Amino acid sequence: MAFRAWLDELGHWILRLWAAAAASFLPLLVAGLLSGRQWLLGAALLVLLAYTLPYTLLLTSSLLRSR
């Protein structure tokens, strides 16, 4: 039970991080699309990955181990 509560809390944190990533990601993405500059699009993707990838992998591995 404690493990399930921990996973639920981790899921809530991941959702918060996704929201923070979207707040940083979307302005860079829009600026890159409007200006046609490839480096802005790359920066937007790096911001998205930096925020979300470690926590998404952590949640995925935790869920796979719990099965």
PDB file of N, CA and C in Angstrom:
ATOM      1  N   MET A   1       0.806  -1.209   0.000  1.00  0.00           N
ATOM      2  CA  MET A   1       0.000   0.000   0.000  1.00  0.00           C
ATOM      3  C   MET A   1       0.846   1.269   0.000  1.00  0.00           C
ATOM      4  N   ALA A   2       1.910   1.269   0.770  1.00  0.00           N
ATOM      5  CA  ALA A   2       2.759   2.449   0.816  1.00  0.00           C
ATOM      6  C   ALA A   2       3.417   2.683  -0.538  1.00  0.00           C
ATOM      7  N   PHE A   3       3.757   1.585  -1.221  1.00  0.00           N
ATOM      8  CA  PHE A   3       4.372   1.714  -2.535  1.00  0.00           C
ATOM      9  C   PHE A   3       3.401   2.323  -3.533  1.00  0.00           C
ATOM     10  N   ARG A   4       2.137   1.919  -3.465  1.00  0.00           N
ATOM     11  CA  ARG A   4       1.121   2.477  -4.372  1.00  0.00           C
ATOM     12  C   ARG A   4       0.923   3.966  -4.103  1.00  0.00           C
ATOM     13  N   ALA A   5       0.925   4.349  -2.842  1.00  0.00           N
ATOM     14  CA  ALA A   5       0.782   5.770  -2.505  1.00  0.00           C
ATOM     15  C   ALA A   5       1.982   6.557  -3.027  1.00  0.00           C
ATOM     16  N   TRP A   6       3.165   5.957  -2.926  1.00  0.00           N
ATOM     17  CA  TRP A   6       4.368   6.603  -3.445  1.00  0.00           C
ATOM     18  C   TRP A   6       4.280   6.778  -4.961  1.00  0.00           C
ATOM     19  N   LEU A   7       3.792   5.745  -5.654  1.00  0.00           N
ATOM     20  CA  LEU A   7       3.637   5.848  -7.111  1.00  0.00           C
ATOM     21  C   LEU A   7       2.608   6.900  -7.490  1.00  0.00           C
ATOM     22  N   ASP A   8       1.527   6.986  -6.722  1.00  0.00           N
ATOM     23  CA  ASP A   8       0.523   8.019  -6.997  1.00  0.00           C
ATOM     24  C   ASP A   8       1.114   9.414  -6.833  1.00  0.00           C
ATOM     25  N   GLU A   9       1.886   9.604  -5.766  1.00  0.00           N
ATOM     26  CA  GLU A   9       2.518  10.904  -5.542  1.00  0.00           C
ATOM     27  C   GLU A   9       3.523  11.210  -6.649  1.00  0.00           C
ATOM     28  N   LEU A  10       4.283  10.212  -7.072  1.00  0.00           N
ATOM     29  CA  LEU A  10       5.235  10.394  -8.166  1.00  0.00           C
ATOM     30  C   LEU A  10       4.507  10.776  -9.453  1.00  0.00           C
ATOM     31  N   GLY A  11       3.370  10.149  -9.701  1.00  0.00           N
ATOM     32  CA  GLY A  11       2.577  10.492 -10.875  1.00  0.00           C
ATOM     33  C   GLY A  11       2.111  11.938 -10.864  1.00  0.00           C
ATOM     34  N   HIS A  12       1.719  12.424  -9.689  1.00  0.00           N
ATOM     35  CA  HIS A  12       1.299  13.828  -9.574  1.00  0.00           C
ATOM     36  C   HIS A  12       2.464  14.772  -9.852  1.00  0.00           C
ATOM     37  N   TRP A  13       3.664  14.421  -9.361  1.00  0.00           N
ATOM     38  CA  TRP A  13       4.838  15.255  -9.618  1.00  0.00           C
ATOM     39  C   TRP A  13       5.193  15.253 -11.092  1.00  0.00           C
ATOM     40  N   ILE A  14       5.050  14.116 -11.742  1.00  0.00           N
ATOM     41  CA  ILE A  14       5.352  14.047 -13.170  1.00  0.00           C
ATOM     42  C   ILE A  14       4.384  14.926 -13.955  1.00  0.00           C
ATOM     43  N   LEU A  15       3.119  14.923 -13.578  1.00  0.00           N
ATOM     44  CA  LEU A  15       2.163  15.801 -14.248  1.00  0.00           C
ATOM     45  C   LEU A  15       2.520  17.267 -14.054  1.00  0.00           C
ATOM     46  N   ARG A  16       2.972  17.622 -12.861  1.00  0.00           N
ATOM     47  CA  ARG A  16       3.397  19.007 -12.619  1.00  0.00           C
ATOM     48  C   ARG A  16       4.605  19.358 -13.480  1.00  0.00           C
ATOM     49  N   LEU A  17       5.537  18.418 -13.601  1.00  0.00           N
ATOM     50  CA  LEU A  17       6.717  18.674 -14.431  1.00  0.00           C
ATOM     51  C   LEU A  17       6.352  18.802 -15.900  1.00  0.00           C
ATOM     52  N   TRP A  18       5.402  17.983 -16.364  1.00  0.00           N
ATOM     53  CA  TRP A  18       4.939  18.107 -17.749  1.00  0.00           C
ATOM     54  C   TRP A  18       4.330  19.487 -17.971  1.00  0.00           C
ATOM     55  N   ALA A  19       3.580  19.987 -16.989  1.00  0.00           N
ATOM     56  CA  ALA A  19       2.988  21.322 -17.117  1.00  0.00           C
ATOM     57  C   ALA A  19       4.079  22.393 -17.165  1.00  0.00           C
ATOM     58  N   ALA A  20       5.102  22.243 -16.326  1.00  0.00           N
ATOM     59  CA  ALA A  20       6.211  23.201 -16.347  1.00  0.00           C
ATOM     60  C   ALA A  20       6.967  23.133 -17.670  1.00  0.00           C
ATOM     61  N   ALA A  21       7.136  21.924 -18.175  1.00  0.00           N
ATOM     62  CA  ALA A  21       7.824  21.768 -19.462  1.00  0.00           C
ATOM     63  C   ALA A  21       7.020  22.412 -20.581  1.00  0.00           C
ATOM     64  N   ALA A  22       5.713  22.234 -20.539  1.00  0.00           N
ATOM     65  CA  ALA A  22       4.866  22.842 -21.573  1.00  0.00           C
ATOM     66  C   ALA A  22       4.953  24.360 -21.521  1.00  0.00           C
ATOM     67  N   ALA A  23       5.033  24.914 -20.308  1.00  0.00           N
ATOM     68  CA  ALA A  23       5.137  26.370 -20.174  1.00  0.00           C
ATOM     69  C   ALA A  23       6.452  26.884 -20.757  1.00  0.00           C
ATOM     70  N   SER A  24       7.512  26.084 -20.677  1.00  0.00           N
ATOM     71  CA  SER A  24       8.797  26.494 -21.237  1.00  0.00           C
ATOM     72  C   SER A  24       8.911  26.117 -22.711  1.00  0.00           C
ATOM     73  N   PHE A  25       8.295  25.020 -23.065  1.00  0.00           N
ATOM     74  CA  PHE A  25       8.429  24.431 -24.393  1.00  0.00           C
ATOM     75  C   PHE A  25       7.626  25.189 -25.452  1.00  0.00           C
ATOM     76  N   LEU A  26       6.403  25.541 -25.118  1.00  0.00           N
ATOM     77  CA  LEU A  26       5.523  26.137 -26.121  1.00  0.00           C
ATOM     78  C   LEU A  26       6.001  27.483 -26.662  1.00  0.00           C
ATOM     79  N   PRO A  27       6.486  28.410 -25.816  1.00  0.00           N
ATOM     80  CA  PRO A  27       6.989  29.671 -26.408  1.00  0.00           C
ATOM     81  C   PRO A  27       8.169  29.454 -27.360  1.00  0.00           C
ATOM     82  N   LEU A  28       9.086  28.532 -26.992  1.00  0.00           N
ATOM     83  CA  LEU A  28      10.208  28.252 -27.883  1.00  0.00           C
ATOM     84  C   LEU A  28       9.733  27.611 -29.182  1.00  0.00           C
ATOM     85  N   LEU A  29       8.768  26.717 -29.071  1.00  0.00           N
ATOM     86  CA  LEU A  29       8.242  26.046 -30.252  1.00  0.00           C
ATOM     87  C   LEU A  29       7.562  27.043 -31.183  1.00  0.00           C
ATOM     88  N   VAL A  30       6.730  27.905 -30.628  1.00  0.00           N
ATOM     89  CA  VAL A  30       6.028  28.901 -31.444  1.00  0.00           C
ATOM     90  C   VAL A  30       7.023  29.854 -32.093  1.00  0.00           C
ATOM     91  N   ALA A  31       8.005  30.307 -31.315  1.00  0.00           N
ATOM     92  CA  ALA A  31       9.016  31.211 -31.875  1.00  0.00           C
ATOM     93  C   ALA A  31       9.801  30.529 -32.992  1.00  0.00           C
ATOM     94  N   GLY A  32      10.126  29.258 -32.802  1.00  0.00           N
ATOM     95  CA  GLY A  32      10.849  28.526 -33.832  1.00  0.00           C
ATOM     96  C   GLY A  32      10.033  28.332 -35.085  1.00  0.00           C
ATOM     97  N   LEU A  33       8.760  28.046 -34.922  1.00  0.00           N
ATOM     98  CA  LEU A  33       7.893  27.844 -36.086  1.00  0.00           C
ATOM     99  C   LEU A  33       7.653  29.149 -36.835  1.00  0.00           C
ATOM    100  N   LEU A  34       7.465  30.233 -36.094  1.00  0.00           N
ATOM    101  CA  LEU A  34       7.203  31.514 -36.741  1.00  0.00           C
ATOM    102  C   LEU A  34       8.438  32.086 -37.427  1.00  0.00           C
ATOM    103  N   SER A  35       9.596  31.863 -36.833  1.00  0.00           N
ATOM    104  CA  SER A  35      10.811  32.437 -37.415  1.00  0.00           C
ATOM    105  C   SER A  35      11.480  31.500 -38.412  1.00  0.00           C
ATOM    106  N   GLY A  36      11.141  30.232 -38.364  1.00  0.00           N
ATOM    107  CA  GLY A  36      11.759  29.263 -39.264  1.00  0.00           C
ATOM    108  C   GLY A  36      13.180  28.905 -38.866  1.00  0.00           C
ATOM    109  N   ARG A  37      13.541  29.169 -37.636  1.00  0.00           N
ATOM    110  CA  ARG A  37      14.908  28.888 -37.185  1.00  0.00           C
ATOM    111  C   ARG A  37      14.952  27.515 -36.521  1.00  0.00           C
ATOM    112  N   GLN A  38      15.819  26.693 -37.030  1.00  0.00           N
ATOM    113  CA  GLN A  38      15.915  25.315 -36.552  1.00  0.00           C
ATOM    114  C   GLN A  38      16.437  25.232 -35.116  1.00  0.00           C
ATOM    115  N   TRP A  39      17.303  26.144 -34.729  1.00  0.00           N
ATOM    116  CA  TRP A  39      17.892  26.034 -33.396  1.00  0.00           C
ATOM    117  C   TRP A  39      16.861  26.299 -32.306  1.00  0.00           C
ATOM    118  N   LEU A  40      15.853  27.132 -32.605  1.00  0.00           N
ATOM    119  CA  LEU A  40      14.790  27.352 -31.613  1.00  0.00           C
ATOM    120  C   LEU A  40      13.944  26.098 -31.427  1.00  0.00           C
ATOM    121  N   LEU A  41      13.692  25.399 -32.517  1.00  0.00           N
ATOM    122  CA  LEU A  41      12.943  24.151 -32.404  1.00  0.00           C
ATOM    123  C   LEU A  41      13.748  23.115 -31.625  1.00  0.00           C
ATOM    124  N   GLY A  42      15.039  23.061 -31.889  1.00  0.00           N
ATOM    125  CA  GLY A  42      15.899  22.153 -31.140  1.00  0.00           C
ATOM    126  C   GLY A  42      15.943  22.494 -29.663  1.00  0.00           C
ATOM    127  N   ALA A  43      15.997  23.780 -29.354  1.00  0.00           N
ATOM    128  CA  ALA A  43      16.001  24.204 -27.954  1.00  0.00           C
ATOM    129  C   ALA A  43      14.695  23.834 -27.265  1.00  0.00           C
ATOM    130  N   ALA A  44      13.589  23.960 -27.979  1.00  0.00           N
ATOM    131  CA  ALA A  44      12.300  23.591 -27.403  1.00  0.00           C
ATOM    132  C   ALA A  44      12.260  22.100 -27.077  1.00  0.00           C
ATOM    133  N   LEU A  45      12.771  21.282 -27.960  1.00  0.00           N
ATOM    134  CA  LEU A  45      12.786  19.843 -27.705  1.00  0.00           C
ATOM    135  C   LEU A  45      13.726  19.486 -26.556  1.00  0.00           C
ATOM    136  N   LEU A  46      14.853  20.163 -26.461  1.00  0.00           N
ATOM    137  CA  LEU A  46      15.771  19.906 -25.360  1.00  0.00           C
ATOM    138  C   LEU A  46      15.154  20.283 -24.016  1.00  0.00           C
ATOM    139  N   VAL A  47      14.438  21.386 -23.976  1.00  0.00           N
ATOM    140  CA  VAL A  47      13.756  21.786 -22.742  1.00  0.00           C
ATOM    141  C   VAL A  47      12.727  20.730 -22.351  1.00  0.00           C
ATOM    142  N   LEU A  48      11.961  20.266 -23.306  1.00  0.00           N
ATOM    143  CA  LEU A  48      10.955  19.247 -23.026  1.00  0.00           C
ATOM    144  C   LEU A  48      11.603  17.974 -22.499  1.00  0.00           C
ATOM    145  N   LEU A  49      12.658  17.531 -23.134  1.00  0.00           N
ATOM    146  CA  LEU A  49      13.340  16.314 -22.687  1.00  0.00           C
ATOM    147  C   LEU A  49      13.994  16.490 -21.321  1.00  0.00           C
ATOM    148  N   ALA A  50      14.607  17.638 -21.098  1.00  0.00           N
ATOM    149  CA  ALA A  50      15.289  17.875 -19.831  1.00  0.00           C
ATOM    150  C   ALA A  50      14.319  17.838 -18.656  1.00  0.00           C
ATOM    151  N   TYR A  51      13.125  18.367 -18.862  1.00  0.00           N
ATOM    152  CA  TYR A  51      12.148  18.358 -17.780  1.00  0.00           C
ATOM    153  C   TYR A  51      11.530  16.987 -17.552  1.00  0.00           C
ATOM    154  N   THR A  52      11.240  16.285 -18.592  1.00  0.00           N
ATOM    155  CA  THR A  52      10.349  15.140 -18.449  1.00  0.00           C
ATOM    156  C   THR A  52      10.984  13.768 -18.558  1.00  0.00           C
ATOM    157  N   LEU A  53      12.040  13.616 -19.310  1.00  0.00           N
ATOM    158  CA  LEU A  53      12.568  12.288 -19.567  1.00  0.00           C
ATOM    159  C   LEU A  53      13.014  11.547 -18.313  1.00  0.00           C
ATOM    160  N   PRO A  54      13.799  12.139 -17.421  1.00  0.00           N
ATOM    161  CA  PRO A  54      14.229  11.364 -16.245  1.00  0.00           C
ATOM    162  C   PRO A  54      13.061  10.872 -15.394  1.00  0.00           C
ATOM    163  N   TYR A  55      12.062  11.716 -15.202  1.00  0.00           N
ATOM    164  CA  TYR A  55      10.942  11.334 -14.352  1.00  0.00           C
ATOM    165  C   TYR A  55      10.018  10.340 -15.048  1.00  0.00           C
ATOM    166  N   THR A  56       9.862  10.470 -16.337  1.00  0.00           N
ATOM    167  CA  THR A  56       9.058   9.511 -17.084  1.00  0.00           C
ATOM    168  C   THR A  56       9.715   8.136 -17.049  1.00  0.00           C
ATOM    169  N   LEU A  57      11.029   8.088 -17.208  1.00  0.00           N
ATOM    170  CA  LEU A  57      11.736   6.812 -17.125  1.00  0.00           C
ATOM    171  C   LEU A  57      11.646   6.214 -15.733  1.00  0.00           C
ATOM    172  N   LEU A  58      11.741   7.044 -14.706  1.00  0.00           N
ATOM    173  CA  LEU A  58      11.634   6.564 -13.331  1.00  0.00           C
ATOM    174  C   LEU A  58      10.261   5.960 -13.069  1.00  0.00           C
ATOM    175  N   LEU A  59       9.220   6.636 -13.504  1.00  0.00           N
ATOM    176  CA  LEU A  59       7.869   6.106 -13.310  1.00  0.00           C
ATOM    177  C   LEU A  59       7.674   4.818 -14.088  1.00  0.00           C
ATOM    178  N   THR A  60       8.152   4.772 -15.322  1.00  0.00           N
ATOM    179  CA  THR A  60       8.007   3.576 -16.139  1.00  0.00           C
ATOM    180  C   THR A  60       8.718   2.389 -15.511  1.00  0.00           C
ATOM    181  N   SER A  61       9.946   2.593 -15.049  1.00  0.00           N
ATOM    182  CA  SER A  61      10.671   1.481 -14.442  1.00  0.00           C
ATOM    183  C   SER A  61      10.020   1.040 -13.138  1.00  0.00           C
ATOM    184  N   SER A  62       9.471   1.982 -12.367  1.00  0.00           N
ATOM    185  CA  SER A  62       8.777   1.619 -11.131  1.00  0.00           C
ATOM    186  C   SER A  62       7.531   0.797 -11.424  1.00  0.00           C
ATOM    187  N   LEU A  63       6.795   1.200 -12.450  1.00  0.00           N
ATOM    188  CA  LEU A  63       5.588   0.453 -12.801  1.00  0.00           C
ATOM    189  C   LEU A  63       5.923  -0.943 -13.317  1.00  0.00           C
ATOM    190  N   LEU A  64       6.985  -1.064 -14.088  1.00  0.00           N
ATOM    191  CA  LEU A  64       7.365  -2.376 -14.600  1.00  0.00           C
ATOM    192  C   LEU A  64       7.853  -3.288 -13.490  1.00  0.00           C
ATOM    193  N   ARG A  65       8.551  -2.746 -12.503  1.00  0.00           N
ATOM    194  CA  ARG A  65       9.019  -3.563 -11.381  1.00  0.00           C
ATOM    195  C   ARG A  65       7.870  -4.002 -10.487  1.00  0.00           C
ATOM    196  N   SER A  66       6.806  -3.213 -10.408  1.00  0.00           N
ATOM    197  CA  SER A  66       5.691  -3.556  -9.523  1.00  0.00           C
ATOM    198  C   SER A  66       4.833  -4.683 -10.079  1.00  0.00           C
ATOM    199  N   ARG A  67       4.962  -4.976 -11.354  1.00  0.00           N
ATOM    200  CA  ARG A  67       4.171  -6.062 -11.948  1.00  0.00           C
ATOM    201  C   ARG A  67       4.780  -7.340 -11.626  1.00  0.00           C
TER     202      ARG A  67
END
